[in-house]
Amino acid sequence: MNYVATNDAPKAIGPYSQAVKLGGMVYTSGQIALDPATGNLVDGDFSAQTRRVFENMKAVLNAAGSDFKKVVKATVYLTDLANFQTLNTIYAEYFGDHKPARSTVGVSQLPKGAQVEIDLIAASA
């Protein structure tokens, strides 16, 4: 098992890794819209937060030798399911024609007051 870490994504805010590689797969921890430079939640609306989450995920996947085209499963947590369509629009920008399996869950709260959190499972080779 290899732990994945990159300065291009926020440092873990607890006792966990940004991602773990095992058996040709990458398992990312959930990412919220933290600015990697400051560790603070980005300013802006749901769209801004969602784009930051995807940029953080892109950095973690790259550090693990993977990318969005190798994602097999995504789990999305939303504090307001009214943002579902906006999520789908931005999600499609990052995944294009690639359509991994996905679960979307409505939750009451996320760390630091975030509106969205996403974790991914991807192939690393």
Protein backbone atom coordinates (compact mmCIF):
# COMPACT_ATOMS: atom_id res chain seq x y z
CA MET A 1 0.00 0.00 0.00
CA ASN A 2 1.28 3.47 -0.94
CA TYR A 3 0.04 6.74 0.49
CA VAL A 4 -0.48 9.57 -2.00
CA ALA A 5 0.35 13.15 -1.08
CA THR A 6 0.64 16.31 -3.16
CA ASN A 7 1.03 19.98 -2.30
CA ASP A 8 -1.30 20.75 -5.24
CA ALA A 9 -4.28 19.63 -3.14
CA PRO A 10 -5.18 20.53 0.45
CA LYS A 11 -3.37 18.68 3.20
CA ALA A 12 -5.53 16.22 5.11
CA ILE A 13 -7.34 17.93 8.00
CA GLY A 14 -7.25 14.77 10.10
CA PRO A 15 -5.46 11.44 10.54
CA TYR A 16 -5.86 10.22 6.95
CA SER A 17 -4.16 10.38 3.53
CA GLN A 18 -5.21 12.29 0.43
CA ALA A 19 -5.37 8.89 -1.28
CA VAL A 20 -4.11 5.34 -1.05
CA LYS A 21 -2.86 3.17 -3.93
CA LEU A 22 -3.36 -0.57 -3.62
CA GLY A 23 -3.54 -3.33 -6.20
CA GLY A 24 -3.57 -1.01 -9.22
CA MET A 25 -6.35 1.12 -7.75
CA VAL A 26 -6.50 4.60 -6.19
CA TYR A 27 -8.89 5.30 -3.33
CA THR A 28 -9.17 9.01 -2.62
CA SER A 29 -10.31 10.57 0.59
CA GLY A 30 -13.21 12.95 0.34
CA GLN A 31 -12.27 16.40 -0.90
CA ILE A 32 -14.08 19.57 0.04
CA ALA A 33 -13.48 23.00 -1.50
CA LEU A 34 -10.34 23.90 0.41
CA ASP A 35 -7.77 26.14 -1.23
CA PRO A 36 -4.49 24.15 -1.22
CA ALA A 37 -2.46 27.31 -0.55
CA THR A 38 -4.41 28.52 2.49
CA GLY A 39 -6.31 25.50 3.76
CA ASN A 40 -9.44 27.65 3.89
CA LEU A 41 -12.77 27.02 2.21
CA VAL A 42 -12.90 28.92 -1.09
CA ASP A 43 -15.14 31.95 -1.36
CA GLY A 44 -18.10 31.68 -3.66
CA ASP A 45 -21.24 29.78 -4.41
CA PHE A 46 -21.89 26.08 -4.93
CA SER A 47 -20.39 26.17 -8.43
CA ALA A 48 -17.13 27.69 -7.17
CA GLN A 49 -16.92 25.10 -4.41
CA THR A 50 -17.62 22.22 -6.79
CA ARG A 51 -14.97 23.36 -9.27
CA ARG A 52 -12.41 23.62 -6.45
CA VAL A 53 -13.27 20.09 -5.33
CA PHE A 54 -12.68 18.78 -8.86
CA GLU A 55 -9.38 20.67 -9.15
CA ASN A 56 -8.28 19.17 -5.83
CA MET A 57 -9.29 15.71 -7.04
CA LYS A 58 -7.45 16.25 -10.32
CA ALA A 59 -4.25 17.00 -8.38
CA VAL A 60 -4.63 13.94 -6.14
CA LEU A 61 -5.35 11.66 -9.10
CA ASN A 62 -2.36 13.04 -11.01
CA ALA A 63 -0.09 12.47 -7.99
CA ALA A 64 -1.33 8.87 -7.93
CA GLY A 65 -0.65 8.34 -11.66
CA SER A 66 -4.32 8.45 -12.59
CA ASP A 67 -6.90 10.85 -14.04
CA PHE A 68 -10.64 11.33 -14.45
CA LYS A 69 -10.78 8.89 -17.40
CA LYS A 70 -9.68 6.09 -15.05
CA VAL A 71 -12.31 6.76 -12.37
CA VAL A 72 -14.62 3.80 -11.83
CA LYS A 73 -16.75 5.12 -8.92
CA ALA A 74 -17.61 8.53 -7.50
CA THR A 75 -19.46 9.31 -4.29
CA VAL A 76 -20.87 12.82 -3.93
CA TYR A 77 -22.22 14.37 -0.73
CA LEU A 78 -24.43 17.48 -1.01
CA THR A 79 -25.83 19.59 1.81
CA ASP A 80 -28.62 20.76 -0.53
CA LEU A 81 -29.99 18.38 -3.16
CA ALA A 82 -31.38 21.42 -5.00
CA ASN A 83 -27.79 21.75 -6.33
CA PHE A 84 -28.01 18.36 -8.07
CA GLN A 85 -28.37 19.76 -11.60
CA THR A 86 -25.52 22.25 -11.12
CA LEU A 87 -23.38 19.37 -9.87
CA ASN A 88 -24.25 17.33 -12.98
CA THR A 89 -23.26 20.19 -15.29
CA ILE A 90 -19.84 20.67 -13.68
CA TYR A 91 -19.33 16.91 -13.26
CA ALA A 92 -19.85 16.47 -17.03
CA GLU A 93 -17.23 19.17 -17.74
CA TYR A 94 -14.60 17.14 -15.88
CA PHE A 95 -15.64 13.63 -16.95
CA GLY A 96 -16.79 14.35 -20.51
CA ASP A 97 -18.07 11.17 -22.17
CA HIS A 98 -16.61 8.99 -19.40
CA LYS A 99 -19.41 7.91 -17.07
CA PRO A 100 -18.19 6.13 -13.93
CA ALA A 101 -20.64 4.65 -11.45
CA ARG A 102 -21.82 7.29 -8.96
CA SER A 103 -23.78 7.70 -5.76
CA THR A 104 -25.09 11.08 -4.63
CA VAL A 105 -26.14 11.50 -1.02
CA GLY A 106 -27.86 14.39 0.74
CA VAL A 107 -26.24 15.16 4.10
CA SER A 108 -26.99 17.69 6.81
CA GLN A 109 -23.43 18.99 7.24
CA LEU A 110 -19.92 18.69 5.86
CA PRO A 111 -16.58 19.72 7.41
CA LYS A 112 -15.85 23.45 7.57
CA GLY A 113 -19.34 24.31 6.28
CA ALA A 114 -18.64 22.96 2.78
CA GLN A 115 -21.58 22.43 0.43
CA VAL A 116 -20.10 19.47 -1.47
CA GLU A 117 -17.64 16.63 -0.86
CA ILE A 118 -16.52 14.03 -3.38
CA ASP A 119 -14.43 10.88 -3.14
CA LEU A 120 -13.30 8.70 -6.05
CA ILE A 121 -12.04 5.22 -6.83
CA ALA A 122 -9.84 4.99 -9.92
CA ALA A 123 -7.41 2.70 -11.70
CA SER A 124 -3.80 3.79 -11.39
CA ALA A 125 -2.41 2.15 -14.49
